[in-house]
Amino acid sequence: NCTEASQFIFEGFSASWELQIFLFLLLLASYVITLVGNLGLIFLIWVDPQLHTPMYFFLSNLSLVDFCYSSVVTPQMLAHFFAQQKAISLPQCATQMWFFSLFVATECYLLAAMAYDRYVAIAQPLLYATSMSPKSCAWLVVGPYAAGTVNAVTHTSLAFQLRFCEPSVVNHFFCDIPAVISCSSSNTGTNALVLFSLSFVLGTLSVCIILVSYAYILAAILRICSARGRRKAFSTCISHLTAVTLLFGTLFFTYVRPSSRFSADADKVAAVLYTMAIPMLNPLIYSLRNQQVKAAL
């Protein structure tokens, strides 16, 4: 006795009307800063010839991905603050899940590519021009998008093979994978296993590349004789390490844990961080500590 669902209803944020208005204004301001910061950084890198280097090529792609995955979620979430029924059709939900999965996985691998770029620049400076040629840089960006596409296709196709009965209420503010599959009337064991496995492999592979790169970077920095040289070399990595810590910390909390420990409220808080706070902070993190970006401004 199941009527197939044609739409999902989001629970969104459970709060008083006054708090809802405050959250709306706060998140709207966050999204505006995200748009201005990321699109502004892309434009700055595009128009300034001094920033036409591999590091800024990766940074412009990171800003593009931040802009995209925040835009996949935030406008609809803001519109739902004042909607009587926070509804989304199944095709719209599948589209949102697909693009969000694509861009989040792409960002993880882009951060790994950026760590490799810093490794070559600091530990192998004489080989930098050869190792980070335009063709190599292109492949280091195409690879993350390809991996992100595989991630998106896998999760979205598995999620929407499940059966959803009316009324399908999603205890979240967007079509996040754990939240959607948790309201299915089908057996979700396979989905939970694939979600955990793919997220674990994605996270572990990216983190391993980053850790190995920074192990070589640290060894190279320790070989630099002058304290000033060591500080300068390490300062180029601080922004990247900050971005890595913020993103992977929240993603591991959300996706790499047993389904028995699923907490909708905790996931909403984590989701606000990686869908709104991190895309807003990344341009600030990279530009405020970067003398070349400051000079270009």
Protein backbone atom coordinates (compact mmCIF):
# COMPACT_ATOMS: atom_id res chain seq x y z
CA ASN A 1 0.00 0.00 0.00
CA CYS A 2 2.36 2.65 -1.24
CA THR A 3 1.58 5.68 -3.36
CA GLU A 4 4.69 6.55 -5.34
CA ALA A 5 6.01 9.95 -4.35
CA SER A 6 6.21 12.62 -7.04
CA GLN A 7 8.00 15.13 -4.86
CA PHE A 8 9.99 15.52 -1.66
CA ILE A 9 9.09 17.90 1.17
CA PHE A 10 12.04 19.48 2.99
CA GLU A 11 11.77 20.07 6.72
CA GLY A 12 14.44 22.74 6.49
CA PHE A 13 15.42 24.57 9.66
CA SER A 14 13.14 24.14 12.67
CA ALA A 15 13.14 27.56 14.30
CA SER A 16 10.93 30.44 15.34
CA TRP A 17 9.83 33.01 12.75
CA GLU A 18 12.26 35.60 14.14
CA LEU A 19 15.17 33.14 13.97
CA GLN A 20 14.13 32.13 10.45
CA ILE A 21 14.42 35.77 9.32
CA PHE A 22 17.82 36.07 10.98
CA LEU A 23 19.05 32.85 9.31
CA PHE A 24 17.71 33.99 5.95
CA LEU A 25 19.56 37.33 6.14
CA LEU A 26 22.74 35.65 7.39
CA LEU A 27 22.76 32.99 4.67
CA LEU A 28 21.79 35.51 1.97
CA ALA A 29 24.75 37.69 2.98
CA SER A 30 26.98 34.61 2.97
CA TYR A 31 25.84 33.69 -0.54
CA VAL A 32 26.40 37.23 -1.88
CA ILE A 33 29.94 37.20 -0.44
CA THR A 34 30.47 33.76 -2.04
CA LEU A 35 29.39 35.06 -5.46
CA VAL A 36 31.44 38.25 -5.28
CA GLY A 37 34.50 36.54 -3.80
CA ASN A 38 34.70 33.56 -6.15
CA LEU A 39 33.65 35.27 -9.38
CA GLY A 40 35.84 38.26 -8.49
CA LEU A 41 38.86 36.01 -7.94
CA ILE A 42 38.25 34.20 -11.25
CA PHE A 43 38.01 37.56 -13.06
CA LEU A 44 41.16 38.86 -11.35
CA ILE A 45 43.17 35.78 -12.34
CA TRP A 46 41.84 36.00 -15.90
CA VAL A 47 42.72 39.69 -16.46
CA ASP A 48 46.10 39.83 -14.67
CA PRO A 49 48.95 38.26 -16.74
CA GLN A 50 51.09 37.90 -13.61
CA LEU A 51 48.56 35.42 -12.25
CA HIS A 52 48.65 33.20 -15.35
CA THR A 53 50.57 30.44 -13.55
CA PRO A 54 49.64 26.83 -12.68
CA MET A 55 48.88 27.68 -9.05
CA TYR A 56 46.34 30.35 -10.03
CA PHE A 57 44.94 28.16 -12.79
CA PHE A 58 44.04 25.60 -10.11
CA LEU A 59 42.79 28.35 -7.80
CA SER A 60 40.47 29.74 -10.48
CA ASN A 61 39.01 26.25 -10.98
CA LEU A 62 38.58 25.87 -7.23
CA SER A 63 36.68 29.17 -7.14
CA LEU A 64 34.51 28.02 -10.05
CA VAL A 65 33.64 24.78 -8.26
CA ASP A 66 32.93 26.63 -5.00
CA PHE A 67 30.59 28.99 -6.86
CA CYS A 68 28.85 26.10 -8.62
CA TYR A 69 28.15 23.79 -5.70
CA SER A 70 27.03 26.64 -3.47
CA SER A 71 24.68 27.81 -6.25
CA VAL A 72 23.25 24.32 -6.66
CA VAL A 73 21.92 24.46 -3.08
CA THR A 74 21.66 27.99 -1.70
CA PRO A 75 19.15 29.84 -3.98
CA GLN A 76 16.49 27.16 -3.55
CA MET A 77 17.14 26.95 0.19
CA LEU A 78 16.69 30.72 0.52
CA ALA A 79 13.46 30.61 -1.51
CA HIS A 80 12.10 27.88 0.78
CA PHE A 81 12.44 30.07 3.87
CA PHE A 82 9.20 31.83 2.89
CA ALA A 83 7.45 28.99 1.07
CA GLN A 84 4.38 27.38 2.62
CA GLN A 85 5.46 24.00 1.30
CA LYS A 86 9.19 23.36 0.85
CA ALA A 87 8.73 20.96 -2.06
CA ILE A 88 10.96 19.72 -4.87
CA SER A 89 10.03 17.26 -7.63
CA LEU A 90 11.96 14.00 -7.96
CA PRO A 91 13.63 15.03 -11.26
CA GLN A 92 14.70 18.35 -9.72
CA CYS A 93 16.00 16.53 -6.67
CA ALA A 94 17.97 14.09 -8.82
CA THR A 95 19.48 17.00 -10.77
CA GLN A 96 20.46 18.81 -7.58
CA MET A 97 22.01 15.65 -6.11
CA TRP A 98 23.90 14.94 -9.35
CA PHE A 99 25.48 18.37 -9.62
CA PHE A 100 26.21 18.63 -5.90
CA SER A 101 27.93 15.21 -5.87
CA LEU A 102 29.89 16.20 -8.98
CA PHE A 103 31.21 19.48 -7.62
CA VAL A 104 32.02 18.29 -4.09
CA ALA A 105 34.03 15.30 -5.36
CA THR A 106 35.74 17.54 -7.94
CA GLU A 107 36.79 19.96 -5.21
CA CYS A 108 38.37 17.16 -3.17
CA TYR A 109 40.53 16.06 -6.09
CA LEU A 110 41.31 19.66 -7.07
CA LEU A 111 42.73 20.23 -3.59
CA ALA A 112 44.89 17.12 -4.08
CA ALA A 113 46.10 18.51 -7.45
CA MET A 114 46.92 21.82 -5.78
CA ALA A 115 48.97 19.99 -3.13
CA TYR A 116 50.93 18.26 -5.90
CA ASP A 117 51.52 21.65 -7.54
CA ARG A 118 52.96 23.03 -4.28
CA TYR A 119 55.13 19.91 -3.90
CA VAL A 120 56.69 20.37 -7.34
CA ALA A 121 57.13 24.13 -6.81
CA ILE A 122 58.91 23.74 -3.46
CA ALA A 123 60.58 20.32 -3.57
CA GLN A 124 61.39 20.13 -7.32
CA PRO A 125 61.66 23.77 -8.49
CA LEU A 126 63.98 23.00 -11.40
CA LEU A 127 61.41 20.58 -12.84
CA TYR A 128 58.42 22.86 -12.25
CA ALA A 129 58.17 24.25 -15.79
CA THR A 130 58.27 20.75 -17.26
CA SER A 131 56.11 18.95 -14.70
CA MET A 132 53.46 21.67 -14.61
CA SER A 133 53.22 22.36 -18.34
CA PRO A 134 49.87 23.59 -19.71
CA LYS A 135 49.06 20.06 -20.87
CA SER A 136 49.85 18.58 -17.43
CA CYS A 137 47.77 21.26 -15.70
CA ALA A 138 44.85 20.57 -18.03
CA TRP A 139 44.94 16.85 -17.19
CA LEU A 140 45.20 17.64 -13.45
CA VAL A 141 41.94 19.59 -13.77
CA VAL A 142 40.13 17.23 -16.18
CA GLY A 143 40.87 14.28 -13.84
CA PRO A 144 38.97 15.73 -10.86
CA TYR A 145 35.96 16.59 -13.05
CA ALA A 146 35.96 13.04 -14.49
CA ALA A 147 36.17 11.50 -11.01
CA GLY A 148 33.41 13.83 -9.83
CA THR A 149 31.20 12.72 -12.72
CA VAL A 150 31.66 9.04 -11.81
CA ASN A 151 30.81 9.86 -8.20
CA ALA A 152 27.67 11.79 -9.22
CA VAL A 153 26.39 9.16 -11.65
CA THR A 154 26.90 6.34 -9.15
CA HIS A 155 25.19 7.96 -6.17
CA THR A 156 22.31 9.56 -8.08
CA SER A 157 21.44 6.47 -10.12
CA LEU A 158 21.48 4.24 -7.01
CA ALA A 159 19.45 6.70 -4.94
CA PHE A 160 16.68 7.06 -7.52
CA GLN A 161 16.32 3.33 -8.06
CA LEU A 162 14.84 3.27 -4.56
CA ARG A 163 11.13 3.47 -3.87
CA PHE A 164 9.70 6.57 -2.20
CA CYS A 165 6.17 6.68 -0.81
CA GLU A 166 3.94 9.68 -0.20
CA PRO A 167 4.52 11.73 1.83
CA SER A 168 8.31 11.74 1.40
CA VAL A 169 9.65 14.17 3.96
CA VAL A 170 13.39 14.87 3.82
CA ASN A 171 14.80 16.13 7.10
CA HIS A 172 17.23 18.50 5.40
CA PHE A 173 17.27 21.69 3.32
CA PHE A 174 18.52 20.11 0.06
CA CYS A 175 18.77 16.72 -1.63
CA ASP A 176 21.79 15.42 0.24
CA ILE A 177 22.40 11.73 -0.34
CA PRO A 178 22.08 10.38 3.25
CA ALA A 179 18.94 12.43 3.91
CA VAL A 180 17.19 11.28 0.72
CA ILE A 181 17.96 7.57 1.01
CA SER A 182 16.94 7.58 4.69
CA CYS A 183 13.32 8.39 3.75
CA SER A 184 13.04 5.54 1.22
CA SER A 185 10.72 2.60 1.86
CA SER A 186 13.19 0.25 0.10
CA ASN A 187 16.16 -1.59 1.54
CA THR A 188 18.94 1.02 1.53
CA GLY A 189 21.77 -1.26 2.64
CA THR A 190 23.47 -1.20 -0.77
CA ASN A 191 23.22 2.58 -0.99
CA ALA A 192 24.66 3.04 2.49
CA LEU A 193 27.55 0.68 1.68
CA VAL A 194 28.32 2.39 -1.66
CA LEU A 195 28.04 5.85 -0.06
CA PHE A 196 30.46 4.89 2.69
CA SER A 197 32.85 3.05 0.37
CA LEU A 198 33.02 5.70 -2.37
CA SER A 199 33.30 8.53 0.14
CA PHE A 200 36.03 6.66 2.03
CA VAL A 201 37.99 5.94 -1.17
CA LEU A 202 37.52 9.51 -2.44
CA GLY A 203 38.55 11.02 0.86
CA THR A 204 41.40 8.61 1.57
CA LEU A 205 42.93 8.92 -1.91
CA SER A 206 42.74 12.71 -1.85
CA VAL A 207 44.09 12.93 1.70
CA CYS A 208 46.92 10.49 0.91
CA ILE A 209 48.01 12.58 -2.09
CA ILE A 210 47.89 15.71 0.08
CA LEU A 211 49.78 14.10 3.00
CA VAL A 212 52.51 12.62 0.80
CA SER A 213 52.90 15.93 -1.03
CA TYR A 214 53.23 17.83 2.24
CA ALA A 215 55.66 15.27 3.66
CA TYR A 216 58.00 16.03 0.74
CA ILE A 217 57.28 19.75 1.07
CA LEU A 218 58.19 19.68 4.77
CA ALA A 219 61.41 17.80 4.04
CA ALA A 220 62.29 20.37 1.37
CA ILE A 221 61.50 23.31 3.69
CA LEU A 222 63.71 21.87 6.44
CA ARG A 223 66.60 21.75 3.97
CA ILE A 224 66.33 25.51 3.32
CA CYS A 225 69.10 27.25 5.21
CA SER A 226 67.56 30.65 5.95
CA ALA A 227 64.66 31.11 8.35
CA ARG A 228 63.16 33.69 5.99
CA GLY A 229 63.25 31.21 3.11
CA ARG A 230 61.54 28.56 5.22
CA ARG A 231 58.80 30.99 6.27
CA LYS A 232 58.23 32.10 2.68
CA ALA A 233 57.99 28.51 1.42
CA PHE A 234 55.65 27.45 4.22
CA SER A 235 53.45 30.56 3.88
CA THR A 236 52.50 29.47 0.34
CA CYS A 237 50.99 26.29 1.83
CA ILE A 238 49.05 27.74 4.79
CA SER A 239 46.01 28.79 2.72
CA HIS A 240 45.77 25.40 1.06
CA LEU A 241 46.09 23.50 4.35
CA THR A 242 43.33 25.65 5.87
CA ALA A 243 40.98 24.93 2.94
CA VAL A 244 41.76 21.19 3.10
CA THR A 245 41.09 21.00 6.85
CA LEU A 246 37.75 22.82 6.59
CA LEU A 247 36.40 20.78 3.67
CA PHE A 248 37.60 17.29 4.55
CA GLY A 249 36.67 17.68 8.22
CA THR A 250 33.01 18.37 7.44
CA LEU A 251 32.78 15.84 4.58
CA PHE A 252 34.26 12.99 6.60
CA PHE A 253 31.85 13.80 9.43
CA THR A 254 28.86 13.69 7.05
CA TYR A 255 29.63 10.79 4.71
CA VAL A 256 32.30 8.51 6.22
CA ARG A 257 30.42 7.10 9.17
CA PRO A 258 28.00 4.20 9.74
CA SER A 259 24.40 4.88 8.78
CA SER A 260 23.38 3.93 12.34
CA ARG A 261 25.03 7.17 13.49
CA PHE A 262 23.03 9.34 11.08
CA SER A 263 21.92 12.58 12.73
CA ALA A 264 19.81 14.92 10.62
CA ASP A 265 20.39 17.98 12.81
CA ALA A 266 24.16 17.48 12.94
CA ASP A 267 24.22 16.92 9.17
CA LYS A 268 22.37 20.19 8.60
CA VAL A 269 25.00 22.09 10.58
CA ALA A 270 27.81 20.37 8.67
CA ALA A 271 26.01 21.02 5.39
CA VAL A 272 25.79 24.75 6.13
CA LEU A 273 29.57 24.72 6.59
CA TYR A 274 30.48 22.95 3.35
CA THR A 275 27.76 24.45 1.13
CA MET A 276 27.92 28.06 2.32
CA ALA A 277 30.71 28.82 4.80
CA ILE A 278 33.59 27.11 2.97
CA PRO A 279 32.82 28.55 -0.52
CA MET A 280 32.55 31.97 1.14
CA LEU A 281 35.81 31.62 3.10
CA ASN A 282 38.04 30.08 0.40
CA PRO A 283 38.53 33.30 -1.65
CA LEU A 284 39.27 35.19 1.56
CA ILE A 285 41.71 32.52 2.76
CA TYR A 286 43.62 32.48 -0.53
CA SER A 287 43.60 36.21 -1.21
CA LEU A 288 44.27 37.66 2.25
CA ARG A 289 47.45 35.61 2.65
CA ASN A 290 48.62 36.03 -0.94
CA GLN A 291 50.83 38.98 -1.83
CA GLN A 292 50.36 38.53 -5.60
CA VAL A 293 46.57 38.65 -5.31
CA LYS A 294 46.82 41.69 -3.03
CA ALA A 295 49.08 43.39 -5.57
CA ALA A 296 46.65 42.61 -8.39
CA LEU A 297 43.83 44.17 -6.39
